[in-house]
Amino acid sequence: MAAAEVDDYLAQLEEPKRSTLEALRRTILCVVPEAEQGLAYGVPAFRVDGRPVAGFAAFKNHLSYLPHSGEVLAALQVEVAGFATSKGALKFPIDEPIPEELVEELIAERRREIARG
């Protein structure tokens, strides 16, 4: 996995998708500075100790935060109540980054899930 892959992914996006996801990338790296960056299934992913803890993707009319788990968003129903969600994605507007506090909690929940095994 390489940060250059994420750079390339972001470079292909139009504004404001690019800057919104660049802000999310910075937030993720502030929360888990030890994360390895790269692509998984064609979209940016961040791994800690070989396990994916966060990711994101751009779509035509929205952006998605990907916790790489079907359990994280269900565990944080109250925290994600203002967002459209599916089992494995939190959708957000192309020009509004996810609040840092929410990213911190999403990653913390994913790491707790990994620790539980």
PDB file of N, CA and C in Angstrom:
ATOM      1  N   MET A   1       0.852  -1.178   0.000  1.00  0.00           N
ATOM      2  CA  MET A   1       0.000   0.000   0.000  1.00  0.00           C
ATOM      3  C   MET A   1       0.890   1.232   0.000  1.00  0.00           C
ATOM      4  N   ALA A   2       0.442   2.258  -0.692  1.00  0.00           N
ATOM      5  CA  ALA A   2       1.270   3.447  -0.782  1.00  0.00           C
ATOM      6  C   ALA A   2       0.415   4.704  -0.800  1.00  0.00           C
ATOM      7  N   ALA A   3       0.922   5.735  -0.121  1.00  0.00           N
ATOM      8  CA  ALA A   3       0.228   7.020  -0.101  1.00  0.00           C
ATOM      9  C   ALA A   3       0.085   7.590  -1.503  1.00  0.00           C
ATOM     10  N   ALA A   4       1.006   7.268  -2.402  1.00  0.00           N
ATOM     11  CA  ALA A   4       0.931   7.766  -3.773  1.00  0.00           C
ATOM     12  C   ALA A   4      -0.338   7.297  -4.473  1.00  0.00           C
ATOM     13  N   GLU A   5      -0.812   6.106  -4.125  1.00  0.00           N
ATOM     14  CA  GLU A   5      -2.067   5.609  -4.703  1.00  0.00           C
ATOM     15  C   GLU A   5      -3.236   6.500  -4.288  1.00  0.00           C
ATOM     16  N   VAL A   6      -3.232   6.932  -3.043  1.00  0.00           N
ATOM     17  CA  VAL A   6      -4.288   7.817  -2.557  1.00  0.00           C
ATOM     18  C   VAL A   6      -4.148   9.185  -3.226  1.00  0.00           C
ATOM     19  N   ASP A   7      -2.915   9.657  -3.361  1.00  0.00           N
ATOM     20  CA  ASP A   7      -2.677  10.924  -4.072  1.00  0.00           C
ATOM     21  C   ASP A   7      -3.274  10.864  -5.477  1.00  0.00           C
ATOM     22  N   ASP A   8      -3.018   9.780  -6.187  1.00  0.00           N
ATOM     23  CA  ASP A   8      -3.527   9.609  -7.557  1.00  0.00           C
ATOM     24  C   ASP A   8      -5.050   9.569  -7.577  1.00  0.00           C
ATOM     25  N   TYR A   9      -5.645   8.864  -6.632  1.00  0.00           N
ATOM     26  CA  TYR A   9      -7.107   8.787  -6.543  1.00  0.00           C
ATOM     27  C   TYR A   9      -7.686  10.190  -6.386  1.00  0.00           C
ATOM     28  N   LEU A  10      -7.131  10.949  -5.442  1.00  0.00           N
ATOM     29  CA  LEU A  10      -7.639  12.291  -5.176  1.00  0.00           C
ATOM     30  C   LEU A  10      -7.412  13.234  -6.355  1.00  0.00           C
ATOM     31  N   ALA A  11      -6.293  13.097  -7.040  1.00  0.00           N
ATOM     32  CA  ALA A  11      -5.965  13.974  -8.168  1.00  0.00           C
ATOM     33  C   ALA A  11      -6.970  13.844  -9.305  1.00  0.00           C
ATOM     34  N   GLN A  12      -7.631  12.708  -9.396  1.00  0.00           N
ATOM     35  CA  GLN A  12      -8.596  12.478 -10.472  1.00  0.00           C
ATOM     36  C   GLN A  12      -9.976  13.080 -10.183  1.00  0.00           C
ATOM     37  N   LEU A  13     -10.182  13.561  -8.965  1.00  0.00           N
ATOM     38  CA  LEU A  13     -11.492  14.088  -8.588  1.00  0.00           C
ATOM     39  C   LEU A  13     -11.605  15.575  -8.884  1.00  0.00           C
ATOM     40  N   GLU A  14     -12.826  15.994  -9.208  1.00  0.00           N
ATOM     41  CA  GLU A  14     -13.080  17.418  -9.390  1.00  0.00           C
ATOM     42  C   GLU A  14     -13.370  18.050  -8.031  1.00  0.00           C
ATOM     43  N   GLU A  15     -13.261  19.366  -7.998  1.00  0.00           N
ATOM     44  CA  GLU A  15     -13.619  20.105  -6.788  1.00  0.00           C
ATOM     45  C   GLU A  15     -15.138  20.189  -6.706  1.00  0.00           C
ATOM     46  N   PRO A  16     -15.731  20.232  -5.523  1.00  0.00           N
ATOM     47  CA  PRO A  16     -15.096  20.257  -4.207  1.00  0.00           C
ATOM     48  C   PRO A  16     -14.846  18.873  -3.613  1.00  0.00           C
ATOM     49  N   LYS A  17     -15.105  17.821  -4.379  1.00  0.00           N
ATOM     50  CA  LYS A  17     -14.880  16.468  -3.855  1.00  0.00           C
ATOM     51  C   LYS A  17     -13.441  16.290  -3.389  1.00  0.00           C
ATOM     52  N   ARG A  18     -12.483  16.758  -4.224  1.00  0.00           N
ATOM     53  CA  ARG A  18     -11.071  16.556  -3.888  1.00  0.00           C
ATOM     54  C   ARG A  18     -10.729  17.191  -2.543  1.00  0.00           C
ATOM     55  N   SER A  19     -11.048  18.477  -2.371  1.00  0.00           N
ATOM     56  CA  SER A  19     -10.640  19.118  -1.119  1.00  0.00           C
ATOM     57  C   SER A  19     -11.380  18.577   0.090  1.00  0.00           C
ATOM     58  N   THR A  20     -12.632  18.176  -0.093  1.00  0.00           N
ATOM     59  CA  THR A  20     -13.370  17.595   1.034  1.00  0.00           C
ATOM     60  C   THR A  20     -12.719  16.280   1.460  1.00  0.00           C
ATOM     61  N   LEU A  21     -12.350  15.445   0.504  1.00  0.00           N
ATOM     62  CA  LEU A  21     -11.702  14.177   0.855  1.00  0.00           C
ATOM     63  C   LEU A  21     -10.267  14.372   1.312  1.00  0.00           C
ATOM     64  N   GLU A  22      -9.583  15.391   0.814  1.00  0.00           N
ATOM     65  CA  GLU A  22      -8.240  15.688   1.339  1.00  0.00           C
ATOM     66  C   GLU A  22      -8.329  16.080   2.806  1.00  0.00           C
ATOM     67  N   ALA A  23      -9.366  16.846   3.175  1.00  0.00           N
ATOM     68  CA  ALA A  23      -9.559  17.215   4.581  1.00  0.00           C
ATOM     69  C   ALA A  23      -9.840  15.974   5.422  1.00  0.00           C
ATOM     70  N   LEU A  24     -10.664  15.066   4.898  1.00  0.00           N
ATOM     71  CA  LEU A  24     -10.946  13.819   5.616  1.00  0.00           C
ATOM     72  C   LEU A  24      -9.670  12.993   5.775  1.00  0.00           C
ATOM     73  N   ARG A  25      -8.863  12.936   4.745  1.00  0.00           N
ATOM     74  CA  ARG A  25      -7.588  12.205   4.815  1.00  0.00           C
ATOM     75  C   ARG A  25      -6.711  12.770   5.926  1.00  0.00           C
ATOM     76  N   ARG A  26      -6.594  14.088   5.992  1.00  0.00           N
ATOM     77  CA  ARG A  26      -5.788  14.713   7.053  1.00  0.00           C
ATOM     78  C   ARG A  26      -6.331  14.361   8.433  1.00  0.00           C
ATOM     79  N   THR A  27      -7.653  14.382   8.565  1.00  0.00           N
ATOM     80  CA  THR A  27      -8.265  14.047   9.856  1.00  0.00           C
ATOM     81  C   THR A  27      -7.967  12.605  10.236  1.00  0.00           C
ATOM     82  N   ILE A  28      -8.146  11.698   9.300  1.00  0.00           N
ATOM     83  CA  ILE A  28      -7.860  10.280   9.580  1.00  0.00           C
ATOM     84  C   ILE A  28      -6.411  10.126  10.029  1.00  0.00           C
ATOM     85  N   LEU A  29      -5.488  10.779   9.335  1.00  0.00           N
ATOM     86  CA  LEU A  29      -4.068  10.654   9.681  1.00  0.00           C
ATOM     87  C   LEU A  29      -3.723  11.337  11.001  1.00  0.00           C
ATOM     88  N   CYS A  30      -4.510  12.318  11.404  1.00  0.00           N
ATOM     89  CA  CYS A  30      -4.314  12.908  12.736  1.00  0.00           C
ATOM     90  C   CYS A  30      -4.746  11.920  13.815  1.00  0.00           C
ATOM     91  N   VAL A  31      -5.819  11.179  13.536  1.00  0.00           N
ATOM     92  CA  VAL A  31      -6.332  10.210  14.505  1.00  0.00           C
ATOM     93  C   VAL A  31      -5.433   8.975  14.575  1.00  0.00           C
ATOM     94  N   VAL A  32      -4.978   8.502  13.422  1.00  0.00           N
ATOM     95  CA  VAL A  32      -4.110   7.323  13.367  1.00  0.00           C
ATOM     96  C   VAL A  32      -2.885   7.638  12.497  1.00  0.00           C
ATOM     97  N   PRO A  33      -1.942   8.420  13.045  1.00  0.00           N
ATOM     98  CA  PRO A  33      -0.774   8.813  12.249  1.00  0.00           C
ATOM     99  C   PRO A  33       0.082   7.630  11.798  1.00  0.00           C
ATOM    100  N   GLU A  34      -0.060   6.504  12.464  1.00  0.00           N
ATOM    101  CA  GLU A  34       0.716   5.317  12.101  1.00  0.00           C
ATOM    102  C   GLU A  34       0.080   4.525  10.957  1.00  0.00           C
ATOM    103  N   ALA A  35      -1.077   4.961  10.475  1.00  0.00           N
ATOM    104  CA  ALA A  35      -1.796   4.216   9.436  1.00  0.00           C
ATOM    105  C   ALA A  35      -1.020   4.178   8.124  1.00  0.00           C
ATOM    106  N   GLU A  36      -1.075   3.016   7.486  1.00  0.00           N
ATOM    107  CA  GLU A  36      -0.558   2.858   6.127  1.00  0.00           C
ATOM    108  C   GLU A  36      -1.681   3.227   5.176  1.00  0.00           C
ATOM    109  N   GLN A  37      -1.345   3.999   4.162  1.00  0.00           N
ATOM    110  CA  GLN A  37      -2.335   4.419   3.181  1.00  0.00           C
ATOM    111  C   GLN A  37      -2.180   3.615   1.902  1.00  0.00           C
ATOM    112  N   GLY A  38      -3.291   3.393   1.241  1.00  0.00           N
ATOM    113  CA  GLY A  38      -3.269   2.717  -0.043  1.00  0.00           C
ATOM    114  C   GLY A  38      -4.676   2.552  -0.558  1.00  0.00           C
ATOM    115  N   LEU A  39      -4.833   1.693  -1.548  1.00  0.00           N
ATOM    116  CA  LEU A  39      -6.160   1.426  -2.087  1.00  0.00           C
ATOM    117  C   LEU A  39      -6.609   0.025  -1.691  1.00  0.00           C
ATOM    118  N   ALA A  40      -7.892  -0.106  -1.436  1.00  0.00           N
ATOM    119  CA  ALA A  40      -8.528  -1.402  -1.211  1.00  0.00           C
ATOM    120  C   ALA A  40      -9.823  -1.359  -2.009  1.00  0.00           C
ATOM    121  N   TYR A  41      -9.997  -2.334  -2.868  1.00  0.00           N
ATOM    122  CA  TYR A  41     -11.175  -2.357  -3.734  1.00  0.00           C
ATOM    123  C   TYR A  41     -11.280  -1.076  -4.564  1.00  0.00           C
ATOM    124  N   GLY A  42     -10.141  -0.488  -4.908  1.00  0.00           N
ATOM    125  CA  GLY A  42     -10.107   0.675  -5.781  1.00  0.00           C
ATOM    126  C   GLY A  42     -10.334   2.022  -5.117  1.00  0.00           C
ATOM    127  N   VAL A  43     -10.489   2.030  -3.795  1.00  0.00           N
ATOM    128  CA  VAL A  43     -10.698   3.293  -3.086  1.00  0.00           C
ATOM    129  C   VAL A  43      -9.704   3.413  -1.924  1.00  0.00           C
ATOM    130  N   PRO A  44      -9.429   4.652  -1.474  1.00  0.00           N
ATOM    131  CA  PRO A  44      -8.473   4.838  -0.390  1.00  0.00           C
ATOM    132  C   PRO A  44      -8.862   4.106   0.890  1.00  0.00           C
ATOM    133  N   ALA A  45      -7.845   3.499   1.493  1.00  0.00           N
ATOM    134  CA  ALA A  45      -8.026   2.777   2.753  1.00  0.00           C
ATOM    135  C   ALA A  45      -6.831   3.057   3.654  1.00  0.00           C
ATOM    136  N   PHE A  46      -7.085   3.019   4.941  1.00  0.00           N
ATOM    137  CA  PHE A  46      -6.053   3.276   5.948  1.00  0.00           C
ATOM    138  C   PHE A  46      -6.003   2.071   6.865  1.00  0.00           C
ATOM    139  N   ARG A  47      -4.802   1.474   6.972  1.00  0.00           N
ATOM    140  CA  ARG A  47      -4.624   0.243   7.745  1.00  0.00           C
ATOM    141  C   ARG A  47      -3.687   0.486   8.925  1.00  0.00           C
ATOM    142  N   VAL A  48      -4.025  -0.155  10.026  1.00  0.00           N
ATOM    143  CA  VAL A  48      -3.174  -0.152  11.213  1.00  0.00           C
ATOM    144  C   VAL A  48      -2.917  -1.611  11.542  1.00  0.00           C
ATOM    145  N   ASP A  49      -1.663  -1.977  11.641  1.00  0.00           N
ATOM    146  CA  ASP A  49      -1.280  -3.371  11.888  1.00  0.00           C
ATOM    147  C   ASP A  49      -1.924  -4.314  10.876  1.00  0.00           C
ATOM    148  N   GLY A  50      -1.994  -3.855   9.638  1.00  0.00           N
ATOM    149  CA  GLY A  50      -2.522  -4.674   8.562  1.00  0.00           C
ATOM    150  C   GLY A  50      -4.036  -4.745   8.468  1.00  0.00           C
ATOM    151  N   ARG A  51      -4.736  -4.131   9.387  1.00  0.00           N
ATOM    152  CA  ARG A  51      -6.209  -4.172   9.401  1.00  0.00           C
ATOM    153  C   ARG A  51      -6.777  -2.822   8.975  1.00  0.00           C
ATOM    154  N   PRO A  52      -7.736  -2.797   8.055  1.00  0.00           N
ATOM    155  CA  PRO A  52      -8.326  -1.513   7.646  1.00  0.00           C
ATOM    156  C   PRO A  52      -9.158  -0.909   8.772  1.00  0.00           C
ATOM    157  N   VAL A  53      -8.921   0.376   9.038  1.00  0.00           N
ATOM    158  CA  VAL A  53      -9.668   1.074  10.089  1.00  0.00           C
ATOM    159  C   VAL A  53     -10.525   2.212   9.544  1.00  0.00           C
ATOM    160  N   ALA A  54     -10.261   2.644   8.311  1.00  0.00           N
ATOM    161  CA  ALA A  54     -11.015   3.750   7.721  1.00  0.00           C
ATOM    162  C   ALA A  54     -10.774   3.772   6.222  1.00  0.00           C
ATOM    163  N   GLY A  55     -11.686   4.406   5.533  1.00  0.00           N
ATOM    164  CA  GLY A  55     -11.534   4.593   4.097  1.00  0.00           C
ATOM    165  C   GLY A  55     -12.564   5.581   3.603  1.00  0.00           C
ATOM    166  N   PHE A  56     -12.458   5.935   2.335  1.00  0.00           N
ATOM    167  CA  PHE A  56     -13.448   6.835   1.758  1.00  0.00           C
ATOM    168  C   PHE A  56     -13.543   6.617   0.262  1.00  0.00           C
ATOM    169  N   ALA A  57     -14.607   7.154  -0.306  1.00  0.00           N
ATOM    170  CA  ALA A  57     -14.831   7.027  -1.742  1.00  0.00           C
ATOM    171  C   ALA A  57     -15.667   8.203  -2.230  1.00  0.00           C
ATOM    172  N   ALA A  58     -15.482   8.541  -3.500  1.00  0.00           N
ATOM    173  CA  ALA A  58     -16.259   9.599  -4.133  1.00  0.00           C
ATOM    174  C   ALA A  58     -17.243   8.989  -5.123  1.00  0.00           C
ATOM    175  N   PHE A  59     -18.433   9.515  -5.124  1.00  0.00           N
ATOM    176  CA  PHE A  59     -19.475   9.101  -6.053  1.00  0.00           C
ATOM    177  C   PHE A  59     -20.033  10.342  -6.740  1.00  0.00           C
ATOM    178  N   LYS A  60     -20.924  10.157  -7.673  1.00  0.00           N
ATOM    179  CA  LYS A  60     -21.425  11.285  -8.456  1.00  0.00           C
ATOM    180  C   LYS A  60     -22.026  12.390  -7.590  1.00  0.00           C
ATOM    181  N   ASN A  61     -22.899  12.031  -6.659  1.00  0.00           N
ATOM    182  CA  ASN A  61     -23.622  13.044  -5.893  1.00  0.00           C
ATOM    183  C   ASN A  61     -23.340  13.059  -4.397  1.00  0.00           C
ATOM    184  N   HIS A  62     -22.391  12.236  -3.955  1.00  0.00           N
ATOM    185  CA  HIS A  62     -22.058  12.216  -2.534  1.00  0.00           C
ATOM    186  C   HIS A  62     -20.666  11.614  -2.345  1.00  0.00           C
ATOM    187  N   LEU A  63     -20.199  11.707  -1.120  1.00  0.00           N
ATOM    188  CA  LEU A  63     -18.953  11.056  -0.709  1.00  0.00           C
ATOM    189  C   LEU A  63     -19.321  10.035   0.359  1.00  0.00           C
ATOM    190  N   SER A  64     -18.478   9.055   0.551  1.00  0.00           N
ATOM    191  CA  SER A  64     -18.730   8.048   1.579  1.00  0.00           C
ATOM    192  C   SER A  64     -17.512   7.849   2.467  1.00  0.00           C
ATOM    193  N   TYR A  65     -17.777   7.711   3.752  1.00  0.00           N
ATOM    194  CA  TYR A  65     -16.777   7.271   4.719  1.00  0.00           C
ATOM    195  C   TYR A  65     -17.009   5.770   4.875  1.00  0.00           C
ATOM    196  N   LEU A  66     -15.938   5.001   4.807  1.00  0.00           N
ATOM    197  CA  LEU A  66     -16.032   3.544   4.864  1.00  0.00           C
ATOM    198  C   LEU A  66     -15.302   3.017   6.100  1.00  0.00           C
ATOM    199  N   PRO A  67     -16.029   2.497   7.069  1.00  0.00           N
ATOM    200  CA  PRO A  67     -15.379   1.991   8.278  1.00  0.00           C
ATOM    201  C   PRO A  67     -14.758   0.608   8.111  1.00  0.00           C
ATOM    202  N   HIS A  68     -14.964  -0.029   6.944  1.00  0.00           N
ATOM    203  CA  HIS A  68     -14.457  -1.381   6.681  1.00  0.00           C
ATOM    204  C   HIS A  68     -14.994  -2.385   7.692  1.00  0.00           C
ATOM    205  N   SER A  69     -16.254  -2.188   8.037  1.00  0.00           N
ATOM    206  CA  SER A  69     -16.934  -3.079   8.966  1.00  0.00           C
ATOM    207  C   SER A  69     -18.430  -2.869   8.813  1.00  0.00           C
ATOM    208  N   GLY A  70     -19.175  -3.922   8.937  1.00  0.00           N
ATOM    209  CA  GLY A  70     -20.617  -3.801   8.920  1.00  0.00           C
ATOM    210  C   GLY A  70     -21.205  -3.515  10.288  1.00  0.00           C
ATOM    211  N   GLU A  71     -20.363  -3.420  11.308  1.00  0.00           N
ATOM    212  CA  GLU A  71     -20.837  -3.235  12.682  1.00  0.00           C
ATOM    213  C   GLU A  71     -20.642  -1.830  13.232  1.00  0.00           C
ATOM    214  N   VAL A  72     -19.689  -1.086  12.718  1.00  0.00           N
ATOM    215  CA  VAL A  72     -19.331   0.222  13.289  1.00  0.00           C
ATOM    216  C   VAL A  72     -20.501   1.204  13.254  1.00  0.00           C
ATOM    217  N   LEU A  73     -21.129   1.368  12.114  1.00  0.00           N
ATOM    218  CA  LEU A  73     -22.208   2.351  12.008  1.00  0.00           C
ATOM    219  C   LEU A  73     -23.410   1.943  12.850  1.00  0.00           C
ATOM    220  N   ALA A  74     -23.674   0.654  12.942  1.00  0.00           N
ATOM    221  CA  ALA A  74     -24.768   0.178  13.789  1.00  0.00           C
ATOM    222  C   ALA A  74     -24.486   0.476  15.257  1.00  0.00           C
ATOM    223  N   ALA A  75     -23.227   0.379  15.651  1.00  0.00           N
ATOM    224  CA  ALA A  75     -22.845   0.638  17.044  1.00  0.00           C
ATOM    225  C   ALA A  75     -22.904   2.122  17.388  1.00  0.00           C
ATOM    226  N   LEU A  76     -22.838   2.967  16.378  1.00  0.00           N
ATOM    227  CA  LEU A  76     -22.818   4.421  16.595  1.00  0.00           C
ATOM    228  C   LEU A  76     -24.054   5.092  16.002  1.00  0.00           C
ATOM    229  N   GLN A  77     -25.203   4.462  16.153  1.00  0.00           N
ATOM    230  CA  GLN A  77     -26.438   4.987  15.549  1.00  0.00           C
ATOM    231  C   GLN A  77     -26.741   6.415  15.969  1.00  0.00           C
ATOM    232  N   VAL A  78     -26.552   6.740  17.220  1.00  0.00           N
ATOM    233  CA  VAL A  78     -26.840   8.097  17.705  1.00  0.00           C
ATOM    234  C   VAL A  78     -25.887   9.094  17.065  1.00  0.00           C
ATOM    235  N   GLU A  79     -24.609   8.755  17.026  1.00  0.00           N
ATOM    236  CA  GLU A  79     -23.594   9.666  16.487  1.00  0.00           C
ATOM    237  C   GLU A  79     -23.758   9.926  14.993  1.00  0.00           C
ATOM    238  N   VAL A  80     -24.262   8.950  14.246  1.00  0.00           N
ATOM    239  CA  VAL A  80     -24.393   9.099  12.790  1.00  0.00           C
ATOM    240  C   VAL A  80     -25.825   9.410  12.360  1.00  0.00           C
ATOM    241  N   ALA A  81     -26.680   9.734  13.307  1.00  0.00           N
ATOM    242  CA  ALA A  81     -28.104   9.938  13.019  1.00  0.00           C
ATOM    243  C   ALA A  81     -28.359  11.005  11.954  1.00  0.00           C
ATOM    244  N   GLY A  82     -27.511  11.993  11.817  1.00  0.00           N
ATOM    245  CA  GLY A  82     -27.733  13.055  10.845  1.00  0.00           C
ATOM    246  C   GLY A  82     -27.264  12.727   9.437  1.00  0.00           C
ATOM    247  N   PHE A  83     -26.782  11.518   9.222  1.00  0.00           N
ATOM    248  CA  PHE A  83     -26.231  11.116   7.930  1.00  0.00           C
ATOM    249  C   PHE A  83     -27.008   9.944   7.355  1.00  0.00           C
ATOM    250  N   ALA A  84     -27.007   9.846   6.030  1.00  0.00           N
ATOM    251  CA  ALA A  84     -27.527   8.644   5.376  1.00  0.00           C
ATOM    252  C   ALA A  84     -26.472   7.558   5.546  1.00  0.00           C
ATOM    253  N   THR A  85     -26.908   6.367   5.902  1.00  0.00           N
ATOM    254  CA  THR A  85     -25.964   5.267   6.082  1.00  0.00           C
ATOM    255  C   THR A  85     -26.499   4.002   5.443  1.00  0.00           C
ATOM    256  N   SER A  86     -25.580   3.118   5.128  1.00  0.00           N
ATOM    257  CA  SER A  86     -25.899   1.745   4.771  1.00  0.00           C
ATOM    258  C   SER A  86     -25.110   0.898   5.760  1.00  0.00           C
ATOM    259  N   LYS A  87     -25.128  -0.399   5.614  1.00  0.00           N
ATOM    260  CA  LYS A  87     -24.393  -1.244   6.560  1.00  0.00           C
ATOM    261  C   LYS A  87     -22.903  -0.895   6.593  1.00  0.00           C
ATOM    262  N   GLY A  88     -22.323  -0.551   5.429  1.00  0.00           N
ATOM    263  CA  GLY A  88     -20.886  -0.325   5.377  1.00  0.00           C
ATOM    264  C   GLY A  88     -20.428   1.040   4.921  1.00  0.00           C
ATOM    265  N   ALA A  89     -21.339   2.050   4.899  1.00  0.00           N
ATOM    266  CA  ALA A  89     -20.924   3.378   4.436  1.00  0.00           C
ATOM    267  C   ALA A  89     -21.751   4.475   5.087  1.00  0.00           C
ATOM    268  N   LEU A  90     -21.068   5.568   5.375  1.00  0.00           N
ATOM    269  CA  LEU A  90     -21.718   6.781   5.844  1.00  0.00           C
ATOM    270  C   LEU A  90     -21.606   7.783   4.703  1.00  0.00           C
ATOM    271  N   LYS A  91     -22.731   8.238   4.182  1.00  0.00           N
ATOM    272  CA  LYS A  91     -22.728   9.163   3.054  1.00  0.00           C
ATOM    273  C   LYS A  91     -22.757  10.591   3.571  1.00  0.00           C
ATOM    274  N   PHE A  92     -21.986  11.460   2.893  1.00  0.00           N
ATOM    275  CA  PHE A  92     -21.973  12.873   3.280  1.00  0.00           C
ATOM    276  C   PHE A  92     -21.833  13.740   2.035  1.00  0.00           C
ATOM    277  N   PRO A  93     -22.210  15.028   2.145  1.00  0.00           N
ATOM    278  CA  PRO A  93     -22.191  15.923   0.988  1.00  0.00           C
ATOM    279  C   PRO A  93     -20.786  16.139   0.439  1.00  0.00           C
ATOM    280  N   ILE A  94     -20.716  16.428  -0.858  1.00  0.00           N
ATOM    281  CA  ILE A  94     -19.427  16.588  -1.520  1.00  0.00           C
ATOM    282  C   ILE A  94     -18.661  17.821  -1.061  1.00  0.00           C
ATOM    283  N   ASP A  95     -19.337  18.740  -0.379  1.00  0.00           N
ATOM    284  CA  ASP A  95     -18.661  19.972   0.027  1.00  0.00           C
ATOM    285  C   ASP A  95     -18.677  20.210   1.535  1.00  0.00           C
ATOM    286  N   GLU A  96     -18.969  19.160   2.309  1.00  0.00           N
ATOM    287  CA  GLU A  96     -19.010  19.289   3.768  1.00  0.00           C
ATOM    288  C   GLU A  96     -18.271  18.135   4.430  1.00  0.00           C
ATOM    289  N   PRO A  97     -17.073  18.387   4.939  1.00  0.00           N
ATOM    290  CA  PRO A  97     -16.330  17.305   5.605  1.00  0.00           C
ATOM    291  C   PRO A  97     -17.077  16.789   6.839  1.00  0.00           C
ATOM    292  N   ILE A  98     -16.820  15.565   7.173  1.00  0.00           N
ATOM    293  CA  ILE A  98     -17.370  14.972   8.395  1.00  0.00           C
ATOM    294  C   ILE A  98     -16.668  15.648   9.580  1.00  0.00           C
ATOM    295  N   PRO A  99     -17.402  15.971  10.635  1.00  0.00           N
ATOM    296  CA  PRO A  99     -16.749  16.570  11.810  1.00  0.00           C
ATOM    297  C   PRO A  99     -15.628  15.671  12.353  1.00  0.00           C
ATOM    298  N   GLU A 100     -14.531  16.286  12.756  1.00  0.00           N
ATOM    299  CA  GLU A 100     -13.375  15.539  13.267  1.00  0.00           C
ATOM    300  C   GLU A 100     -13.744  14.616  14.417  1.00  0.00           C
ATOM    301  N   GLU A 101     -14.614  15.095  15.306  1.00  0.00           N
ATOM    302  CA  GLU A 101     -14.996  14.292  16.469  1.00  0.00           C
ATOM    303  C   GLU A 101     -15.681  13.001  16.037  1.00  0.00           C
ATOM    304  N   LEU A 102     -16.471  13.079  14.980  1.00  0.00           N
ATOM    305  CA  LEU A 102     -17.150  11.877  14.496  1.00  0.00           C
ATOM    306  C   LEU A 102     -16.148  10.908  13.875  1.00  0.00           C
ATOM    307  N   VAL A 103     -15.188  11.432  13.128  1.00  0.00           N
ATOM    308  CA  VAL A 103     -14.152  10.569  12.540  1.00  0.00           C
ATOM    309  C   VAL A 103     -13.378   9.867  13.658  1.00  0.00           C
ATOM    310  N   GLU A 104     -13.050  10.604  14.711  1.00  0.00           N
ATOM    311  CA  GLU A 104     -12.346  10.011  15.851  1.00  0.00           C
ATOM    312  C   GLU A 104     -13.156   8.858  16.446  1.00  0.00           C
ATOM    313  N   GLU A 105     -14.453   9.062  16.613  1.00  0.00           N
ATOM    314  CA  GLU A 105     -15.295   8.026  17.214  1.00  0.00           C
ATOM    315  C   GLU A 105     -15.461   6.833  16.277  1.00  0.00           C
ATOM    316  N   LEU A 106     -15.606   7.073  14.988  1.00  0.00           N
ATOM    317  CA  LEU A 106     -15.720   5.976  14.025  1.00  0.00           C
ATOM    318  C   LEU A 106     -14.472   5.096  14.039  1.00  0.00           C
ATOM    319  N   ILE A 107     -13.320   5.732  14.055  1.00  0.00           N
ATOM    320  CA  ILE A 107     -12.067   4.972  14.072  1.00  0.00           C
ATOM    321  C   ILE A 107     -11.893   4.257  15.418  1.00  0.00           C
ATOM    322  N   ALA A 108     -12.240   4.932  16.497  1.00  0.00           N
ATOM    323  CA  ALA A 108     -12.126   4.305  17.819  1.00  0.00           C
ATOM    324  C   ALA A 108     -13.015   3.071  17.902  1.00  0.00           C
ATOM    325  N   GLU A 109     -14.223   3.156  17.378  1.00  0.00           N
ATOM    326  CA  GLU A 109     -15.130   2.001  17.412  1.00  0.00           C
ATOM    327  C   GLU A 109     -14.589   0.866  16.558  1.00  0.00           C
ATOM    328  N   ARG A 110     -14.037   1.197  15.393  1.00  0.00           N
ATOM    329  CA  ARG A 110     -13.455   0.150  14.539  1.00  0.00           C
ATOM    330  C   ARG A 110     -12.282  -0.524  15.239  1.00  0.00           C
ATOM    331  N   ARG A 111     -11.457   0.262  15.916  1.00  0.00           N
ATOM    332  CA  ARG A 111     -10.308  -0.319  16.618  1.00  0.00           C
ATOM    333  C   ARG A 111     -10.759  -1.179  17.798  1.00  0.00           C
ATOM    334  N   ARG A 112     -11.827  -0.756  18.484  1.00  0.00           N
ATOM    335  CA  ARG A 112     -12.373  -1.593  19.580  1.00  0.00           C
ATOM    336  C   ARG A 112     -12.884  -2.912  19.014  1.00  0.00           C
ATOM    337  N   GLU A 113     -13.545  -2.842  17.863  1.00  0.00           N
ATOM    338  CA  GLU A 113     -14.054  -4.060  17.228  1.00  0.00           C
ATOM    339  C   GLU A 113     -12.903  -5.004  16.869  1.00  0.00           C
ATOM    340  N   ILE A 114     -11.833  -4.465  16.315  1.00  0.00           N
ATOM    341  CA  ILE A 114     -10.668  -5.284  15.971  1.00  0.00           C
ATOM    342  C   ILE A 114     -10.067  -5.914  17.226  1.00  0.00           C
ATOM    343  N   ALA A 115      -9.962  -5.121  18.297  1.00  0.00           N
ATOM    344  CA  ALA A 115      -9.373  -5.626  19.538  1.00  0.00           C
ATOM    345  C   ALA A 115     -10.207  -6.759  20.139  1.00  0.00           C
ATOM    346  N   ARG A 116     -11.534  -6.696  19.963  1.00  0.00           N
ATOM    347  CA  ARG A 116     -12.408  -7.756  20.487  1.00  0.00           C
ATOM    348  C   ARG A 116     -12.239  -9.051  19.693  1.00  0.00           C
ATOM    349  N   GLY A 117     -11.696  -8.911  18.474  1.00  0.00           N
ATOM    350  CA  GLY A 117     -11.445 -10.087  17.658  1.00  0.00           C
ATOM    351  C   GLY A 117     -12.658 -10.502  16.920  1.00  0.00           C
TER     352      GLY A 117
END
